[in-house]
Amino acid sequence: MKSGAAARRYARALFALAREEGRIEEIRGELDAIGRLLDGNAELAHAILRPLFPSGERRRVLQVVCERLGSSDTVRRFCSFLVDRRRMVELDAIRTAYGTLADEAAGRMRARVVSASPLSDAQRERLRNALAERTGSHLELDVEVDATLLGGAVATVGGLVFDGSLRTQLEQLRANLMRGH
């Protein structure tokens, strides 16, 4: 089984438990806290994520981490299960898949926006509203800056791409001029 498919499968299982408990967002936050801690501490991540250490030791370290972060029993047991299955290395992919499920359950969609320069709060809000109107969904924006864009922005929502980049506009103008329009 490919790791991406496995991550989605584990995320769906955890999501089902979270939904039963009525704690979808709380568990998302707990997973994110563990992920941020591991991202910020390479030595700890190495000890937990790599199977060089016996799984019992990795489980104990992870339980201490979960305890200090105030993680629920559900998340503690889930992380122990991942260690036993040698899937803890996929925590980031599981977090992403879980986040997608949580967003869908809450009626939220994520829009990935790549802009030529940083967006002001007012620009973000106008863009969020315009995309929400086009898609009919409440949107959360993930904005990143790409200096290689000449200007404008490219937004991806689900499978839709809204390309308002200056590069694309110039390419369209060029194509129209070449056709004689």
Protein backbone atom coordinates (compact mmCIF):
# COMPACT_ATOMS: atom_id res chain seq x y z
CA MET A 1 0.00 0.00 0.00
CA LYS A 2 1.33 3.44 -0.89
CA SER A 3 2.12 5.65 2.06
CA GLY A 4 -0.32 8.38 0.95
CA ALA A 5 -3.15 5.86 0.85
CA ALA A 6 -2.12 4.51 4.26
CA ALA A 7 -2.03 8.02 5.72
CA ARG A 8 -5.55 8.69 4.45
CA ARG A 9 -6.74 5.38 5.87
CA TYR A 10 -5.29 6.14 9.31
CA ALA A 11 -6.67 9.69 9.19
CA ARG A 12 -10.16 8.38 8.35
CA ALA A 13 -10.00 5.95 11.28
CA LEU A 14 -8.96 8.68 13.71
CA PHE A 15 -11.55 11.03 12.26
CA ALA A 16 -14.29 8.44 12.84
CA LEU A 17 -13.24 8.18 16.50
CA ALA A 18 -13.10 11.96 16.85
CA ARG A 19 -16.57 12.33 15.34
CA GLU A 20 -17.96 9.73 17.75
CA GLU A 21 -16.46 11.68 20.64
CA GLY A 22 -17.60 15.02 19.22
CA ARG A 23 -14.00 16.27 19.36
CA ILE A 24 -13.00 16.74 15.72
CA GLU A 25 -11.34 20.14 16.10
CA GLU A 26 -9.77 19.37 19.48
CA ILE A 27 -8.09 16.25 18.12
CA ARG A 28 -6.94 18.20 15.08
CA GLY A 29 -5.31 20.69 17.45
CA GLU A 30 -3.66 17.91 19.43
CA LEU A 31 -2.21 16.35 16.26
CA ASP A 32 -0.98 19.76 15.13
CA ALA A 33 0.67 20.39 18.51
CA ILE A 34 2.55 17.09 18.29
CA GLY A 35 3.55 17.84 14.70
CA ARG A 36 4.80 21.33 15.57
CA LEU A 37 6.82 19.97 18.48
CA LEU A 38 8.44 17.32 16.29
CA ASP A 39 9.07 19.87 13.52
CA GLY A 40 10.81 22.14 16.00
CA ASN A 41 12.92 19.49 17.74
CA ALA A 42 14.98 17.36 15.36
CA GLU A 43 16.46 15.18 18.12
CA LEU A 44 13.04 14.33 19.54
CA ALA A 45 11.65 13.69 16.06
CA HIS A 46 14.57 11.39 15.31
CA ALA A 47 13.98 9.41 18.51
CA ILE A 48 10.24 8.99 17.87
CA LEU A 49 10.00 8.72 14.11
CA ARG A 50 12.91 6.46 13.26
CA PRO A 51 12.67 2.73 13.97
CA LEU A 52 16.31 2.66 15.13
CA PHE A 53 15.05 2.63 18.70
CA PRO A 54 12.85 -0.19 20.04
CA SER A 55 9.15 0.56 19.63
CA GLY A 56 8.59 0.29 23.41
CA GLU A 57 11.08 3.12 24.03
CA ARG A 58 9.60 5.24 21.26
CA ARG A 59 6.11 4.66 22.66
CA ARG A 60 7.22 5.72 26.16
CA VAL A 61 8.86 8.90 24.87
CA LEU A 62 5.80 9.69 22.81
CA GLN A 63 3.50 9.11 25.79
CA VAL A 64 5.53 11.60 27.84
CA VAL A 65 5.31 14.10 24.99
CA CYS A 66 1.54 13.59 24.70
CA GLU A 67 1.13 13.93 28.46
CA ARG A 68 3.06 17.20 28.57
CA LEU A 69 1.02 18.55 25.65
CA GLY A 70 -2.20 17.55 27.36
CA SER A 71 -3.22 15.18 24.58
CA SER A 72 -6.36 13.10 24.99
CA ASP A 73 -6.33 9.35 25.49
CA THR A 74 -7.58 8.98 21.91
CA VAL A 75 -4.54 10.77 20.48
CA ARG A 76 -2.16 8.96 22.84
CA ARG A 77 -3.51 5.56 21.83
CA PHE A 78 -3.50 6.56 18.16
CA CYS A 79 0.16 7.64 18.31
CA SER A 80 1.12 4.41 20.11
CA PHE A 81 -0.69 2.47 17.40
CA LEU A 82 1.25 4.38 14.73
CA VAL A 83 4.53 3.51 16.46
CA ASP A 84 3.54 -0.17 16.60
CA ARG A 85 2.62 -0.13 12.90
CA ARG A 86 5.78 1.77 11.95
CA ARG A 87 3.65 4.57 10.52
CA MET A 88 4.65 7.40 12.86
CA VAL A 89 6.90 8.72 10.07
CA GLU A 90 3.70 9.52 8.19
CA LEU A 91 2.33 11.80 10.90
CA ASP A 92 2.50 14.88 8.66
CA ALA A 93 0.56 13.16 5.88
CA ILE A 94 -1.95 11.86 8.42
CA ARG A 95 -2.35 15.37 9.88
CA THR A 96 -2.95 16.78 6.41
CA ALA A 97 -5.52 14.12 5.53
CA TYR A 98 -7.23 14.54 8.91
CA GLY A 99 -7.34 18.31 8.39
CA THR A 100 -9.01 17.82 5.02
CA LEU A 101 -11.65 15.58 6.59
CA ALA A 102 -12.23 18.08 9.41
CA ASP A 103 -12.58 20.94 6.92
CA GLU A 104 -15.06 18.97 4.83
CA ALA A 105 -17.11 18.07 7.91
CA ALA A 106 -17.25 21.74 8.93
CA GLY A 107 -18.15 22.88 5.40
CA ARG A 108 -14.80 24.60 4.95
CA MET A 109 -12.53 24.44 1.96
CA ARG A 110 -8.90 25.42 1.78
CA ALA A 111 -7.70 27.69 -0.95
CA ARG A 112 -4.00 27.73 -1.79
CA VAL A 113 -3.03 31.17 -3.01
CA VAL A 114 0.33 32.00 -4.53
CA SER A 115 0.87 35.73 -4.95
CA ALA A 116 3.66 37.84 -6.38
CA SER A 117 3.90 39.89 -3.17
CA PRO A 118 2.53 39.70 0.37
CA LEU A 119 -1.20 40.38 0.64
CA SER A 120 -2.63 42.90 3.07
CA ASP A 121 -5.47 41.86 5.35
CA ALA A 122 -7.92 43.77 3.14
CA GLN A 123 -6.63 42.01 0.01
CA ARG A 124 -6.87 38.62 1.72
CA GLU A 125 -10.46 39.33 2.74
CA ARG A 126 -11.47 40.52 -0.76
CA LEU A 127 -9.84 37.45 -2.30
CA ARG A 128 -11.48 35.11 0.24
CA ASN A 129 -14.89 36.66 -0.44
CA ALA A 130 -14.48 36.50 -4.23
CA LEU A 131 -13.37 32.86 -4.13
CA ALA A 132 -16.11 31.94 -1.65
CA GLU A 133 -18.68 33.49 -3.98
CA ARG A 134 -17.33 31.55 -6.97
CA THR A 135 -17.15 28.22 -5.12
CA GLY A 136 -20.13 28.56 -2.79
CA SER A 137 -18.04 27.45 0.21
CA HIS A 138 -16.54 29.02 3.28
CA LEU A 139 -12.81 29.26 2.57
CA GLU A 140 -9.62 29.29 4.57
CA LEU A 141 -6.70 30.83 2.68
CA ASP A 142 -3.17 29.43 2.73
CA VAL A 143 -1.13 32.21 1.15
CA GLU A 144 2.46 31.99 -0.01
CA VAL A 145 4.60 34.44 -1.92
CA ASP A 146 6.37 33.49 -5.13
CA ALA A 147 8.61 36.26 -6.42
CA THR A 148 8.83 34.56 -9.84
CA LEU A 149 5.27 35.66 -10.55
CA LEU A 150 5.41 39.03 -12.25
CA GLY A 151 2.24 40.19 -10.50
CA GLY A 152 -1.19 39.01 -9.46
CA ALA A 153 -2.00 35.68 -7.86
CA VAL A 154 -2.96 32.08 -8.60
CA ALA A 155 -5.58 30.45 -6.37
CA THR A 156 -6.33 26.72 -6.20
CA VAL A 157 -9.57 25.63 -4.56
CA GLY A 158 -10.26 21.92 -4.68
CA GLY A 159 -9.67 21.02 -8.32
CA LEU A 160 -10.27 24.57 -9.61
CA VAL A 161 -7.46 26.95 -10.52
CA PHE A 162 -8.11 30.68 -10.73
CA ASP A 163 -5.10 32.19 -12.48
CA GLY A 164 -4.95 35.95 -12.16
CA SER A 165 -1.20 36.15 -12.58
CA LEU A 166 0.31 38.82 -14.77
CA ARG A 167 2.31 36.13 -16.59
CA THR A 168 -0.89 34.35 -17.70
CA GLN A 169 -2.53 37.62 -18.70
CA LEU A 170 0.51 38.53 -20.82
CA GLU A 171 0.53 35.06 -22.41
CA GLN A 172 -3.16 35.43 -23.29
CA LEU A 173 -2.52 38.89 -24.75
CA ARG A 174 0.37 37.50 -26.80
CA ALA A 175 -1.77 34.63 -28.08
CA ASN A 176 -4.55 37.05 -29.06
CA LEU A 177 -2.07 39.29 -30.87
CA MET A 178 -0.60 36.30 -32.72
CA ARG A 179 -4.10 35.29 -33.87
CA GLY A 180 -4.73 38.85 -35.04
CA HIS A 181 -7.50 39.68 -32.56
